[in-house]
Amino acid sequence: YYSYKWAEVLSADAYAAFEESAGADGLPDPEVGRRYREAILEAGGSRPAMDSFKAFRGREPSLDALLRHQGMSSVAA
């Protein structure tokens, strides 16, 4: 069960990168998509998943996005 929750943490935090980059038009910055493609998709299984996540987000994963997405936190993105 823990592994499923941890996957949700990573997923919500990665998704938050797109939310945080949204401009006035509500669309995410294409640069975030490029970083995701390079750091996560292109790397695939060639390195540990945590290294790929850090390359994309530039930091360790945070629970904040998951809590916000599940309505457990009122902290804005």
Protein backbone atom coordinates (compact mmCIF):
# COMPACT_ATOMS: atom_id res chain seq x y z
CA TYR A 1 0.00 0.00 0.00
CA TYR A 2 2.85 2.38 0.82
CA SER A 3 4.23 2.13 -2.71
CA TYR A 4 0.87 3.21 -4.16
CA LYS A 5 0.71 6.24 -1.88
CA TRP A 6 4.30 7.15 -2.68
CA ALA A 7 3.46 6.97 -6.40
CA GLU A 8 0.56 9.37 -5.72
CA VAL A 9 2.95 11.78 -3.98
CA LEU A 10 5.29 11.77 -6.97
CA SER A 11 2.43 12.08 -9.44
CA ALA A 12 0.73 14.97 -7.64
CA ASP A 13 4.00 16.81 -7.15
CA ALA A 14 4.95 16.42 -10.82
CA TYR A 15 1.47 17.57 -11.90
CA ALA A 16 1.84 20.59 -9.61
CA ALA A 17 4.82 21.72 -11.70
CA PHE A 18 2.44 22.17 -14.63
CA GLU A 19 -0.15 23.92 -12.45
CA GLU A 20 2.47 26.29 -11.04
CA SER A 21 3.68 27.24 -14.51
CA ALA A 22 0.25 28.13 -15.87
CA GLY A 23 0.05 31.60 -17.34
CA ALA A 24 -2.87 34.02 -17.46
CA ASP A 25 -4.43 31.86 -20.19
CA GLY A 26 -4.41 28.84 -17.87
CA LEU A 27 -2.03 26.88 -20.09
CA PRO A 28 1.18 25.43 -18.65
CA ASP A 29 4.54 26.68 -19.84
CA PRO A 30 5.86 24.43 -22.64
CA GLU A 31 9.27 24.52 -20.95
CA VAL A 32 7.84 22.43 -18.10
CA GLY A 33 6.69 19.83 -20.62
CA ARG A 34 10.14 19.80 -22.19
CA ARG A 35 11.78 19.31 -18.76
CA TYR A 36 9.34 16.49 -17.96
CA ARG A 37 10.04 14.77 -21.27
CA GLU A 38 13.81 15.01 -20.82
CA ALA A 39 14.04 14.23 -17.10
CA ILE A 40 11.36 11.56 -16.78
CA LEU A 41 10.34 10.07 -20.13
CA GLU A 42 13.67 10.08 -21.96
CA ALA A 43 15.60 8.83 -18.93
CA GLY A 44 13.17 5.94 -18.47
CA GLY A 45 14.65 3.21 -16.30
CA SER A 46 18.25 4.20 -17.00
CA ARG A 47 18.56 5.81 -13.56
CA PRO A 48 16.75 5.65 -10.22
CA ALA A 49 13.26 7.17 -10.29
CA MET A 50 14.16 9.59 -7.49
CA ASP A 51 17.05 10.96 -9.56
CA SER A 52 14.68 11.54 -12.48
CA PHE A 53 12.16 13.26 -10.22
CA LYS A 54 14.83 15.54 -8.75
CA ALA A 55 16.07 16.37 -12.24
CA PHE A 56 12.54 17.43 -13.17
CA ARG A 57 11.48 19.30 -10.02
CA GLY A 58 14.92 20.38 -8.82
CA ARG A 59 14.15 19.17 -5.30
CA GLU A 60 12.93 16.25 -3.20
CA PRO A 61 9.25 15.29 -3.51
CA SER A 62 6.80 17.16 -1.29
CA LEU A 63 3.51 15.96 0.20
CA ASP A 64 1.93 19.39 -0.24
CA ALA A 65 0.53 18.80 -3.73
CA LEU A 66 -1.05 15.47 -2.78
CA LEU A 67 -2.66 16.98 0.31
CA ARG A 68 -3.97 19.88 -1.75
CA HIS A 69 -5.33 17.62 -4.51
CA GLN A 70 -7.13 15.49 -1.92
CA GLY A 71 -8.63 18.54 -0.20
CA MET A 72 -6.57 18.17 2.97
CA SER A 73 -4.72 21.46 2.63
CA SER A 74 -5.70 24.95 1.61
CA VAL A 75 -2.17 25.90 0.56
CA ALA A 76 -2.24 27.39 -2.95
CA ALA A 77 0.01 26.06 -5.69
